[in-house]
N, C-alpha and C. Protein backbone atom coordinates (compact mmCIF):
# COMPACT_ATOMS: atom_id res chain seq x y z
N MET A 1 39.22 16.90 20.26
CA MET A 1 39.03 15.61 19.66
C MET A 1 40.36 14.88 19.63
N GLY A 2 40.31 13.64 19.99
CA GLY A 2 41.50 12.81 19.94
C GLY A 2 41.64 12.16 18.58
N THR A 3 42.38 11.08 18.52
CA THR A 3 42.58 10.40 17.25
C THR A 3 41.31 9.70 16.82
N GLY A 4 41.06 9.70 15.53
CA GLY A 4 39.91 9.00 14.99
C GLY A 4 38.58 9.67 15.28
N GLY A 5 38.57 10.95 15.64
CA GLY A 5 37.33 11.66 15.88
C GLY A 5 36.73 11.40 17.25
N LEU A 6 37.48 10.82 18.15
CA LEU A 6 36.98 10.49 19.49
C LEU A 6 37.33 11.61 20.47
N PRO A 7 36.33 12.16 21.19
CA PRO A 7 36.63 13.19 22.19
C PRO A 7 37.54 12.64 23.29
N GLN A 8 38.38 13.49 23.83
CA GLN A 8 39.29 13.05 24.88
C GLN A 8 38.52 12.64 26.13
N GLY A 9 38.96 11.59 26.78
CA GLY A 9 38.35 11.12 28.01
C GLY A 9 37.09 10.30 27.79
N MET A 10 36.82 9.90 26.56
CA MET A 10 35.61 9.14 26.27
C MET A 10 36.00 7.85 25.55
N SER A 11 35.38 6.76 25.94
CA SER A 11 35.65 5.49 25.27
C SER A 11 34.83 5.39 24.00
N TYR A 12 35.20 4.47 23.13
CA TYR A 12 34.45 4.26 21.88
C TYR A 12 33.01 3.85 22.17
N ALA A 13 32.82 2.99 23.16
CA ALA A 13 31.47 2.53 23.51
C ALA A 13 30.63 3.69 24.02
N ALA A 14 31.18 4.52 24.90
CA ALA A 14 30.43 5.67 25.43
C ALA A 14 30.09 6.66 24.32
N PHE A 15 31.03 6.85 23.39
CA PHE A 15 30.82 7.75 22.27
C PHE A 15 29.66 7.27 21.40
N LEU A 16 29.63 5.97 21.11
CA LEU A 16 28.55 5.40 20.31
C LEU A 16 27.23 5.42 21.07
N HIS A 17 27.25 5.08 22.35
CA HIS A 17 26.02 5.06 23.15
C HIS A 17 25.43 6.46 23.30
N GLN A 18 26.27 7.46 23.43
CA GLN A 18 25.79 8.83 23.52
C GLN A 18 25.06 9.22 22.24
N GLY A 19 25.64 8.91 21.10
CA GLY A 19 25.01 9.22 19.82
C GLY A 19 23.71 8.46 19.62
N THR A 20 23.68 7.19 20.02
CA THR A 20 22.48 6.38 19.86
C THR A 20 21.37 6.88 20.78
N GLY A 21 21.69 7.21 22.00
CA GLY A 21 20.69 7.72 22.93
C GLY A 21 20.09 9.04 22.47
N THR A 22 20.93 9.92 21.98
CA THR A 22 20.46 11.20 21.45
C THR A 22 19.57 10.98 20.24
N LEU A 23 19.96 10.05 19.38
CA LEU A 23 19.18 9.74 18.18
C LEU A 23 17.81 9.19 18.54
N ILE A 24 17.74 8.28 19.48
CA ILE A 24 16.45 7.71 19.90
C ILE A 24 15.54 8.82 20.42
N THR A 25 16.05 9.66 21.30
CA THR A 25 15.24 10.75 21.86
C THR A 25 14.75 11.69 20.78
N SER A 26 15.64 12.07 19.88
CA SER A 26 15.28 13.01 18.84
C SER A 26 14.25 12.45 17.87
N ILE A 27 14.40 11.20 17.48
CA ILE A 27 13.46 10.60 16.53
C ILE A 27 12.10 10.42 17.18
N VAL A 28 12.05 9.96 18.41
CA VAL A 28 10.76 9.79 19.08
C VAL A 28 10.04 11.13 19.20
N LEU A 29 10.75 12.17 19.61
CA LEU A 29 10.14 13.49 19.71
C LEU A 29 9.69 14.01 18.35
N ALA A 30 10.55 13.92 17.36
CA ALA A 30 10.22 14.44 16.03
C ALA A 30 9.02 13.74 15.43
N VAL A 31 9.03 12.44 15.42
CA VAL A 31 7.93 11.69 14.80
C VAL A 31 6.64 11.91 15.57
N SER A 32 6.70 11.92 16.88
CA SER A 32 5.49 12.13 17.69
C SER A 32 4.87 13.50 17.42
N ILE A 33 5.68 14.53 17.47
CA ILE A 33 5.17 15.88 17.26
C ILE A 33 4.69 16.07 15.82
N ILE A 34 5.45 15.58 14.85
CA ILE A 34 5.05 15.73 13.45
C ILE A 34 3.75 14.99 13.18
N LEU A 35 3.63 13.77 13.66
CA LEU A 35 2.39 13.03 13.41
C LEU A 35 1.21 13.66 14.15
N PHE A 36 1.44 14.27 15.30
CA PHE A 36 0.37 14.97 16.01
C PHE A 36 -0.14 16.16 15.20
N TYR A 37 0.79 16.96 14.70
CA TYR A 37 0.40 18.16 13.98
C TYR A 37 -0.07 17.90 12.55
N PHE A 38 0.33 16.80 11.96
CA PHE A 38 -0.08 16.50 10.59
C PHE A 38 -1.14 15.42 10.54
N ARG A 39 -2.01 15.42 11.50
CA ARG A 39 -3.13 14.49 11.47
C ARG A 39 -4.36 15.23 10.95
N GLY A 40 -5.30 14.50 10.47
CA GLY A 40 -6.58 15.08 10.06
C GLY A 40 -6.48 16.10 8.95
N ALA A 41 -7.23 17.19 9.11
CA ALA A 41 -7.39 18.18 8.05
C ALA A 41 -6.17 19.09 7.87
N LEU A 42 -5.25 19.13 8.84
CA LEU A 42 -4.09 20.01 8.71
C LEU A 42 -3.23 19.64 7.50
N ASN A 43 -3.23 18.38 7.12
CA ASN A 43 -2.49 17.96 5.93
C ASN A 43 -2.98 18.67 4.69
N TYR A 44 -4.24 19.02 4.66
CA TYR A 44 -4.84 19.60 3.45
C TYR A 44 -5.04 21.10 3.55
N PHE A 45 -4.60 21.71 4.63
CA PHE A 45 -4.69 23.16 4.81
C PHE A 45 -3.63 23.81 3.92
N GLU A 46 -4.04 24.73 3.08
CA GLU A 46 -3.14 25.29 2.06
C GLU A 46 -2.07 26.22 2.63
N LYS A 47 -2.30 26.81 3.79
CA LYS A 47 -1.37 27.80 4.32
C LYS A 47 -0.41 27.21 5.35
N ASN A 48 -0.14 25.93 5.27
CA ASN A 48 0.78 25.31 6.22
C ASN A 48 2.16 25.08 5.62
N LYS A 49 2.53 25.86 4.61
CA LYS A 49 3.81 25.68 3.91
C LYS A 49 5.01 25.84 4.86
N SER A 50 5.00 26.85 5.71
CA SER A 50 6.14 27.05 6.61
C SER A 50 6.23 25.91 7.62
N LEU A 51 5.09 25.39 8.07
CA LEU A 51 5.10 24.26 8.99
C LEU A 51 5.67 23.01 8.31
N ARG A 52 5.30 22.81 7.06
CA ARG A 52 5.84 21.66 6.30
C ARG A 52 7.36 21.79 6.12
N ILE A 53 7.81 22.99 5.79
CA ILE A 53 9.26 23.20 5.60
C ILE A 53 10.01 22.90 6.89
N LEU A 54 9.49 23.39 8.02
CA LEU A 54 10.15 23.13 9.31
C LEU A 54 10.15 21.63 9.62
N ALA A 55 9.07 20.94 9.30
CA ALA A 55 9.01 19.49 9.54
C ALA A 55 10.02 18.76 8.66
N PHE A 56 10.14 19.17 7.39
CA PHE A 56 11.13 18.56 6.50
C PHE A 56 12.54 18.77 7.02
N VAL A 57 12.82 19.98 7.50
CA VAL A 57 14.15 20.28 8.04
C VAL A 57 14.43 19.41 9.27
N TRP A 58 13.42 19.21 10.11
CA TRP A 58 13.59 18.39 11.31
C TRP A 58 13.88 16.95 10.94
N VAL A 59 13.19 16.43 9.94
CA VAL A 59 13.44 15.06 9.48
C VAL A 59 14.84 14.96 8.89
N LEU A 60 15.24 15.94 8.10
CA LEU A 60 16.59 15.92 7.52
C LEU A 60 17.66 16.01 8.60
N GLN A 61 17.40 16.78 9.65
CA GLN A 61 18.35 16.86 10.77
C GLN A 61 18.50 15.49 11.43
N ASN A 62 17.40 14.77 11.58
CA ASN A 62 17.47 13.44 12.17
C ASN A 62 18.20 12.46 11.26
N ILE A 63 18.04 12.61 9.96
CA ILE A 63 18.80 11.76 9.03
C ILE A 63 20.29 12.06 9.16
N PHE A 64 20.65 13.33 9.33
CA PHE A 64 22.06 13.68 9.57
C PHE A 64 22.57 13.03 10.86
N MET A 65 21.72 12.98 11.89
CA MET A 65 22.11 12.33 13.14
C MET A 65 22.30 10.82 12.95
N VAL A 66 21.50 10.21 12.08
CA VAL A 66 21.69 8.79 11.76
C VAL A 66 23.05 8.59 11.11
N ILE A 67 23.40 9.47 10.18
CA ILE A 67 24.71 9.38 9.52
C ILE A 67 25.83 9.55 10.53
N SER A 68 25.68 10.49 11.45
CA SER A 68 26.68 10.73 12.49
C SER A 68 26.84 9.49 13.38
N THR A 69 25.74 8.86 13.75
CA THR A 69 25.81 7.66 14.58
C THR A 69 26.42 6.50 13.81
N ALA A 70 26.13 6.41 12.51
CA ALA A 70 26.74 5.37 11.69
C ALA A 70 28.26 5.57 11.63
N TYR A 71 28.69 6.82 11.56
CA TYR A 71 30.12 7.11 11.57
C TYR A 71 30.75 6.71 12.92
N ARG A 72 30.06 7.00 14.01
CA ARG A 72 30.55 6.61 15.33
C ARG A 72 30.70 5.09 15.41
N ASN A 73 29.71 4.37 14.89
CA ASN A 73 29.78 2.91 14.89
C ASN A 73 30.94 2.43 14.01
N HIS A 74 31.15 3.11 12.89
CA HIS A 74 32.24 2.74 11.98
C HIS A 74 33.61 2.88 12.66
N ILE A 75 33.84 3.99 13.38
CA ILE A 75 35.15 4.14 14.02
C ILE A 75 35.30 3.16 15.19
N TYR A 76 34.19 2.80 15.82
CA TYR A 76 34.22 1.78 16.88
C TYR A 76 34.61 0.42 16.28
N ILE A 77 34.04 0.10 15.13
CA ILE A 77 34.35 -1.17 14.45
C ILE A 77 35.80 -1.18 13.99
N GLU A 78 36.29 -0.05 13.48
CA GLU A 78 37.69 0.01 13.05
C GLU A 78 38.65 -0.29 14.20
N GLU A 79 38.29 0.15 15.39
CA GLU A 79 39.17 -0.04 16.54
C GLU A 79 39.03 -1.43 17.17
N TYR A 80 37.80 -1.94 17.27
CA TYR A 80 37.57 -3.19 18.02
C TYR A 80 36.95 -4.31 17.19
N PHE A 81 36.88 -4.16 15.88
CA PHE A 81 36.37 -5.18 14.97
C PHE A 81 34.85 -5.35 15.04
N LEU A 82 34.32 -6.10 14.11
CA LEU A 82 32.89 -6.28 13.95
C LEU A 82 32.34 -7.33 14.90
N THR A 83 31.21 -7.04 15.54
CA THR A 83 30.51 -8.00 16.40
C THR A 83 29.03 -7.95 16.05
N TYR A 84 28.28 -8.89 16.62
CA TYR A 84 26.83 -8.92 16.35
C TYR A 84 26.14 -7.66 16.84
N LYS A 85 26.56 -7.13 17.97
CA LYS A 85 25.93 -5.92 18.50
C LYS A 85 26.20 -4.72 17.60
N ARG A 86 27.37 -4.64 17.02
CA ARG A 86 27.69 -3.52 16.13
C ARG A 86 26.95 -3.65 14.80
N ILE A 87 26.71 -4.89 14.37
CA ILE A 87 25.85 -5.11 13.20
C ILE A 87 24.42 -4.70 13.56
N GLY A 88 23.99 -5.01 14.78
CA GLY A 88 22.67 -4.62 15.25
C GLY A 88 22.47 -3.11 15.25
N VAL A 89 23.53 -2.36 15.52
CA VAL A 89 23.44 -0.90 15.47
C VAL A 89 23.13 -0.46 14.04
N TYR A 90 23.77 -1.09 13.06
CA TYR A 90 23.48 -0.75 11.66
C TYR A 90 22.04 -1.12 11.29
N VAL A 91 21.55 -2.24 11.78
CA VAL A 91 20.16 -2.62 11.53
C VAL A 91 19.22 -1.58 12.15
N TYR A 92 19.51 -1.19 13.38
CA TYR A 92 18.71 -0.16 14.05
C TYR A 92 18.73 1.15 13.25
N LEU A 93 19.89 1.55 12.76
CA LEU A 93 20.00 2.79 11.99
C LEU A 93 19.21 2.69 10.68
N PHE A 94 19.24 1.51 10.05
CA PHE A 94 18.46 1.30 8.83
C PHE A 94 16.96 1.43 9.12
N LEU A 95 16.51 0.87 10.23
CA LEU A 95 15.10 0.97 10.62
C LEU A 95 14.74 2.42 10.94
N CYS A 96 15.66 3.17 11.53
CA CYS A 96 15.43 4.60 11.79
C CYS A 96 15.23 5.36 10.48
N VAL A 97 16.05 5.05 9.49
CA VAL A 97 15.92 5.72 8.20
C VAL A 97 14.57 5.39 7.57
N ILE A 98 14.14 4.13 7.66
CA ILE A 98 12.83 3.75 7.13
C ILE A 98 11.72 4.55 7.82
N GLY A 99 11.78 4.68 9.13
CA GLY A 99 10.80 5.45 9.87
C GLY A 99 10.81 6.92 9.49
N LEU A 100 12.00 7.48 9.30
CA LEU A 100 12.10 8.89 8.92
C LEU A 100 11.60 9.12 7.51
N VAL A 101 11.90 8.20 6.60
CA VAL A 101 11.40 8.32 5.23
C VAL A 101 9.87 8.22 5.22
N THR A 102 9.33 7.31 6.02
CA THR A 102 7.87 7.18 6.12
C THR A 102 7.25 8.47 6.66
N THR A 103 7.88 9.08 7.64
CA THR A 103 7.40 10.35 8.18
C THR A 103 7.50 11.45 7.13
N PHE A 104 8.59 11.45 6.37
CA PHE A 104 8.77 12.41 5.29
C PHE A 104 7.64 12.28 4.26
N ILE A 105 7.30 11.05 3.91
CA ILE A 105 6.21 10.80 2.96
C ILE A 105 4.89 11.28 3.53
N LYS A 106 4.67 11.05 4.82
CA LYS A 106 3.44 11.49 5.48
C LYS A 106 3.29 13.00 5.38
N ILE A 107 4.38 13.73 5.56
CA ILE A 107 4.34 15.19 5.48
C ILE A 107 4.09 15.63 4.03
N LYS A 108 4.73 14.95 3.11
CA LYS A 108 4.66 15.32 1.70
C LYS A 108 3.26 15.14 1.13
N ILE A 109 2.59 14.07 1.53
CA ILE A 109 1.28 13.74 0.94
C ILE A 109 0.17 14.48 1.62
C-alpha cells in the first residue's frame, strides 16, 4: 500500500472503480439469491435458522463493502477535491444501504 491507503501502481479513480464494480456485483448476487431463497413459505419454515444467519452475515459483509467503497471515495476526494460524480458515488452508496436494509428486513420478517 502506498500513501493514503492506495495500492502501488493504481490511480485513485481505478481504486474507486474497482471497489464500486465489486460492490455492484456482490449486491446484485446477494439480493437476488436471498430473495430467491426467502420467497414463499421458506420465510415461515421454523428450521431455517442457519440459512437466516448466513443471509444476515452476507448482508453485513455487503454493508462492510459499502463502507470500504465510501472510504475509497473519501481518499479520492481528499486528493482531487469534490465533484458532482463523487457526490453521485455517495448517493449510490446511500441507495445501496437502503436496498441492503430492505433485504435485511425481508429476511427478519
